[in-house]
Amino acid sequence: MKTEKRFLPNISLCILLDAIGMATYSFPALGEVADVVWAPISAFMFYKLFGGRLGMIGAVLSFAEEIIPATDSMPSFTIAWFIRKKE
């Protein structure tokens, strides 16, 4: 059985991506419009950074977090980094 080598992205990049997702709170009128734009980008980046099962599940959750109003405060990239680090 072949074991897949897991890639651990840079923690600084994960924190930055979470900060971008939370930054839409800074613009009350534009916040939800920005979330509609950021949600698919966030999901794509999540999948590319983490890959595999964690990347797929995380991408779906990241998309949902960004698209649903008032749920941007969860640092999903950073949480996934800790999960991957523990593996």
C-alpha atoms as a PDB file:
ATOM      1  CA  MET A   1       0.000   0.000   0.000  1.00  0.00           C
ATOM      2  CA  LYS A   2       1.448   3.346  -1.047  1.00  0.00           C
ATOM      3  CA  THR A   3       1.275   6.152   1.505  1.00  0.00           C
ATOM      4  CA  GLU A   4       0.614   9.638   0.249  1.00  0.00           C
ATOM      5  CA  LYS A   5       3.050  12.327   1.349  1.00  0.00           C
ATOM      6  CA  ARG A   6       1.120  15.142   3.048  1.00  0.00           C
ATOM      7  CA  PHE A   7       2.022  18.744   2.284  1.00  0.00           C
ATOM      8  CA  LEU A   8       1.963  21.219   5.171  1.00  0.00           C
ATOM      9  CA  PRO A   9       1.329  24.760   3.911  1.00  0.00           C
ATOM     10  CA  ASN A  10       2.962  27.745   5.547  1.00  0.00           C
ATOM     11  CA  ILE A  11       1.117  28.834   8.720  1.00  0.00           C
ATOM     12  CA  SER A  12       1.605  32.495   7.780  1.00  0.00           C
ATOM     13  CA  LEU A  13      -0.222  31.921   4.494  1.00  0.00           C
ATOM     14  CA  CYS A  14      -3.089  30.201   6.332  1.00  0.00           C
ATOM     15  CA  ILE A  15      -3.411  33.095   8.777  1.00  0.00           C
ATOM     16  CA  LEU A  16      -3.299  35.593   5.895  1.00  0.00           C
ATOM     17  CA  LEU A  17      -6.073  33.773   4.012  1.00  0.00           C
ATOM     18  CA  ASP A  18      -8.219  33.693   7.165  1.00  0.00           C
ATOM     19  CA  ALA A  19      -7.590  37.420   7.646  1.00  0.00           C
ATOM     20  CA  ILE A  20      -8.695  38.134   4.069  1.00  0.00           C
ATOM     21  CA  GLY A  21     -11.903  36.212   4.701  1.00  0.00           C
ATOM     22  CA  MET A  22     -12.553  38.175   7.895  1.00  0.00           C
ATOM     23  CA  ALA A  23     -11.632  41.526   6.313  1.00  0.00           C
ATOM     24  CA  THR A  24     -15.029  41.825   4.659  1.00  0.00           C
ATOM     25  CA  TYR A  25     -16.392  42.844   8.070  1.00  0.00           C
ATOM     26  CA  SER A  26     -14.463  46.097   7.593  1.00  0.00           C
ATOM     27  CA  PHE A  27     -16.771  47.124   4.756  1.00  0.00           C
ATOM     28  CA  PRO A  28     -20.366  46.871   5.999  1.00  0.00           C
ATOM     29  CA  ALA A  29     -22.030  47.715   2.689  1.00  0.00           C
ATOM     30  CA  LEU A  30     -19.641  45.737   0.505  1.00  0.00           C
ATOM     31  CA  GLY A  31     -19.015  42.862   2.908  1.00  0.00           C
ATOM     32  CA  GLU A  32     -21.542  40.377   1.609  1.00  0.00           C
ATOM     33  CA  VAL A  33     -20.773  41.212  -2.035  1.00  0.00           C
ATOM     34  CA  ALA A  34     -17.089  40.636  -1.340  1.00  0.00           C
ATOM     35  CA  ASP A  35     -17.961  37.310   0.302  1.00  0.00           C
ATOM     36  CA  VAL A  36     -19.711  36.153  -2.867  1.00  0.00           C
ATOM     37  CA  VAL A  37     -16.491  36.849  -4.772  1.00  0.00           C
ATOM     38  CA  TRP A  38     -14.163  35.459  -2.081  1.00  0.00           C
ATOM     39  CA  ALA A  39     -16.112  32.217  -1.368  1.00  0.00           C
ATOM     40  CA  PRO A  40     -15.144  30.296  -4.536  1.00  0.00           C
ATOM     41  CA  ILE A  41     -11.581  31.641  -4.401  1.00  0.00           C
ATOM     42  CA  SER A  42     -11.283  30.534  -0.784  1.00  0.00           C
ATOM     43  CA  ALA A  43     -12.643  27.071  -1.569  1.00  0.00           C
ATOM     44  CA  PHE A  44     -10.273  26.627  -4.511  1.00  0.00           C
ATOM     45  CA  MET A  45      -7.251  27.747  -2.490  1.00  0.00           C
ATOM     46  CA  PHE A  46      -8.234  25.507   0.414  1.00  0.00           C
ATOM     47  CA  TYR A  47      -8.371  22.469  -1.852  1.00  0.00           C
ATOM     48  CA  LYS A  48      -5.076  23.346  -3.560  1.00  0.00           C
ATOM     49  CA  LEU A  49      -3.281  23.953  -0.256  1.00  0.00           C
ATOM     50  CA  PHE A  50      -4.450  20.864   1.624  1.00  0.00           C
ATOM     51  CA  GLY A  51      -5.520  18.399  -1.081  1.00  0.00           C
ATOM     52  CA  GLY A  52      -7.000  14.976  -0.467  1.00  0.00           C
ATOM     53  CA  ARG A  53      -9.934  14.392   1.825  1.00  0.00           C
ATOM     54  CA  LEU A  54      -9.096  17.285   4.163  1.00  0.00           C
ATOM     55  CA  GLY A  55      -8.877  19.624   1.180  1.00  0.00           C
ATOM     56  CA  MET A  56     -12.207  18.525  -0.279  1.00  0.00           C
ATOM     57  CA  ILE A  57     -14.144  18.681   2.970  1.00  0.00           C
ATOM     58  CA  GLY A  58     -12.417  21.913   3.957  1.00  0.00           C
ATOM     59  CA  ALA A  59     -13.124  23.522   0.585  1.00  0.00           C
ATOM     60  CA  VAL A  60     -16.846  22.838   0.929  1.00  0.00           C
ATOM     61  CA  LEU A  61     -16.897  24.132   4.497  1.00  0.00           C
ATOM     62  CA  SER A  62     -14.786  27.159   3.590  1.00  0.00           C
ATOM     63  CA  PHE A  63     -17.157  28.018   0.738  1.00  0.00           C
ATOM     64  CA  ALA A  64     -20.175  27.668   3.036  1.00  0.00           C
ATOM     65  CA  GLU A  65     -18.496  29.750   5.743  1.00  0.00           C
ATOM     66  CA  GLU A  66     -17.854  32.600   3.329  1.00  0.00           C
ATOM     67  CA  ILE A  67     -21.181  32.523   1.513  1.00  0.00           C
ATOM     68  CA  ILE A  68     -23.409  32.315   4.626  1.00  0.00           C
ATOM     69  CA  PRO A  69     -23.758  35.744   6.290  1.00  0.00           C
ATOM     70  CA  ALA A  70     -22.101  36.319   9.695  1.00  0.00           C
ATOM     71  CA  THR A  71     -19.992  33.138   9.689  1.00  0.00           C
ATOM     72  CA  ASP A  72     -16.667  34.605   8.550  1.00  0.00           C
ATOM     73  CA  SER A  73     -15.065  34.607  11.990  1.00  0.00           C
ATOM     74  CA  MET A  74     -13.986  30.931  11.960  1.00  0.00           C
ATOM     75  CA  PRO A  75     -10.286  30.622  10.987  1.00  0.00           C
ATOM     76  CA  SER A  76     -10.753  27.546   8.774  1.00  0.00           C
ATOM     77  CA  PHE A  77      -7.336  27.637   7.077  1.00  0.00           C
ATOM     78  CA  THR A  78      -5.526  27.853  10.411  1.00  0.00           C
ATOM     79  CA  ILE A  79      -7.622  25.071  11.935  1.00  0.00           C
ATOM     80  CA  ALA A  80      -6.855  22.859   8.922  1.00  0.00           C
ATOM     81  CA  TRP A  81      -3.148  23.665   9.319  1.00  0.00           C
ATOM     82  CA  PHE A  82      -3.227  22.348  12.900  1.00  0.00           C
ATOM     83  CA  ILE A  83      -5.127  19.229  11.775  1.00  0.00           C
ATOM     84  CA  ARG A  84      -2.564  18.558   9.034  1.00  0.00           C
ATOM     85  CA  LYS A  85       0.337  19.242  11.426  1.00  0.00           C
ATOM     86  CA  LYS A  86      -1.029  16.664  13.847  1.00  0.00           C
ATOM     87  CA  GLU A  87      -1.282  13.947  11.151  1.00  0.00           C
END
